[in-house]
Amino acid sequence: MKLPKKEAKRLKNVDIAQTRAARRDSMHLLDEQGLAALSLAVANFFDKIVKEPEKLIKEYTK
């Protein structure tokens, strides 16, 4: 695939290895944030189970 001159000129000074490393690092951070959000949601659910079990039983057994 041939790039237009404008894009080729812009990419001329880009370090591909550095770009890939930055992309990998950002994906790693996004994965960690997703796991943190999921664990927070699970912790909140367990907190509700402990504090208000009757309310949850009524809500989920309708």
C-alpha atoms as a PDB file:
ATOM      1  CA  MET A   1       0.000   0.000   0.000  1.00  0.00           C
ATOM      2  CA  LYS A   2       1.448   3.318  -1.031  1.00  0.00           C
ATOM      3  CA  LEU A   3       1.085   6.250   1.350  1.00  0.00           C
ATOM      4  CA  PRO A   4       0.267   9.755   0.218  1.00  0.00           C
ATOM      5  CA  LYS A   5       3.270  12.107   0.317  1.00  0.00           C
ATOM      6  CA  LYS A   6       1.854  14.047   3.257  1.00  0.00           C
ATOM      7  CA  GLU A   7       1.526  10.910   5.421  1.00  0.00           C
ATOM      8  CA  ALA A   8       4.885   9.536   4.306  1.00  0.00           C
ATOM      9  CA  LYS A   9       6.586  12.790   5.297  1.00  0.00           C
ATOM     10  CA  ARG A  10       4.831  12.774   8.679  1.00  0.00           C
ATOM     11  CA  LEU A  11       5.840   9.164   9.377  1.00  0.00           C
ATOM     12  CA  LYS A  12       9.429   9.652   8.244  1.00  0.00           C
ATOM     13  CA  ASN A  13      10.611  10.749  11.692  1.00  0.00           C
ATOM     14  CA  VAL A  14       8.498   8.291  13.712  1.00  0.00           C
ATOM     15  CA  ASP A  15      10.244   5.509  15.592  1.00  0.00           C
ATOM     16  CA  ILE A  16       8.059   2.445  15.024  1.00  0.00           C
ATOM     17  CA  ALA A  17       9.519   0.509  17.973  1.00  0.00           C
ATOM     18  CA  GLN A  18       8.886   3.423  20.317  1.00  0.00           C
ATOM     19  CA  THR A  19       5.341   3.779  19.004  1.00  0.00           C
ATOM     20  CA  ARG A  20       4.638   0.088  19.565  1.00  0.00           C
ATOM     21  CA  ALA A  21       6.075   0.242  23.087  1.00  0.00           C
ATOM     22  CA  ALA A  22       3.887   3.241  23.916  1.00  0.00           C
ATOM     23  CA  ARG A  23       0.821   1.475  22.532  1.00  0.00           C
ATOM     24  CA  ARG A  24       1.630  -1.663  24.544  1.00  0.00           C
ATOM     25  CA  ASP A  25       2.079   0.387  27.723  1.00  0.00           C
ATOM     26  CA  SER A  26      -1.201   2.236  27.226  1.00  0.00           C
ATOM     27  CA  MET A  27      -3.074  -1.028  26.608  1.00  0.00           C
ATOM     28  CA  HIS A  28      -1.540  -2.460  29.784  1.00  0.00           C
ATOM     29  CA  LEU A  29      -2.786   0.555  31.764  1.00  0.00           C
ATOM     30  CA  LEU A  30      -6.273   0.227  30.262  1.00  0.00           C
ATOM     31  CA  ASP A  31      -6.347  -3.453  31.243  1.00  0.00           C
ATOM     32  CA  GLU A  32      -5.356  -2.581  34.802  1.00  0.00           C
ATOM     33  CA  GLN A  33      -8.042   0.114  34.993  1.00  0.00           C
ATOM     34  CA  GLY A  34     -10.651  -2.338  33.732  1.00  0.00           C
ATOM     35  CA  LEU A  35      -9.684  -4.873  36.376  1.00  0.00           C
ATOM     36  CA  ALA A  36      -9.778  -2.198  39.069  1.00  0.00           C
ATOM     37  CA  ALA A  37     -13.261  -1.090  37.985  1.00  0.00           C
ATOM     38  CA  LEU A  38     -14.494  -4.673  37.932  1.00  0.00           C
ATOM     39  CA  SER A  39     -13.094  -5.424  41.380  1.00  0.00           C
ATOM     40  CA  LEU A  40     -14.708  -2.241  42.726  1.00  0.00           C
ATOM     41  CA  ALA A  41     -18.091  -3.283  41.322  1.00  0.00           C
ATOM     42  CA  VAL A  42     -17.771  -6.750  42.874  1.00  0.00           C
ATOM     43  CA  ALA A  43     -16.724  -5.242  46.210  1.00  0.00           C
ATOM     44  CA  ASN A  44     -19.758  -2.924  46.177  1.00  0.00           C
ATOM     45  CA  PHE A  45     -22.043  -5.862  45.418  1.00  0.00           C
ATOM     46  CA  PHE A  46     -20.634  -7.878  48.320  1.00  0.00           C
ATOM     47  CA  ASP A  47     -20.976  -4.834  50.558  1.00  0.00           C
ATOM     48  CA  LYS A  48     -24.684  -4.656  49.698  1.00  0.00           C
ATOM     49  CA  ILE A  49     -25.058  -8.383  50.351  1.00  0.00           C
ATOM     50  CA  VAL A  50     -23.600  -7.999  53.835  1.00  0.00           C
ATOM     51  CA  LYS A  51     -25.464  -4.793  54.750  1.00  0.00           C
ATOM     52  CA  GLU A  52     -28.889  -5.404  53.183  1.00  0.00           C
ATOM     53  CA  PRO A  53     -29.418  -9.080  52.317  1.00  0.00           C
ATOM     54  CA  GLU A  54     -33.233  -8.932  52.559  1.00  0.00           C
ATOM     55  CA  LYS A  55     -33.455  -6.059  50.091  1.00  0.00           C
ATOM     56  CA  LEU A  56     -31.295  -7.890  47.549  1.00  0.00           C
ATOM     57  CA  ILE A  57     -33.255 -11.119  47.962  1.00  0.00           C
ATOM     58  CA  LYS A  58     -36.503  -9.266  47.239  1.00  0.00           C
ATOM     59  CA  GLU A  59     -34.962  -7.428  44.298  1.00  0.00           C
ATOM     60  CA  TYR A  60     -33.495 -10.487  42.573  1.00  0.00           C
ATOM     61  CA  THR A  61     -36.316 -12.963  43.274  1.00  0.00           C
ATOM     62  CA  LYS A  62     -39.153 -10.979  41.691  1.00  0.00           C
END
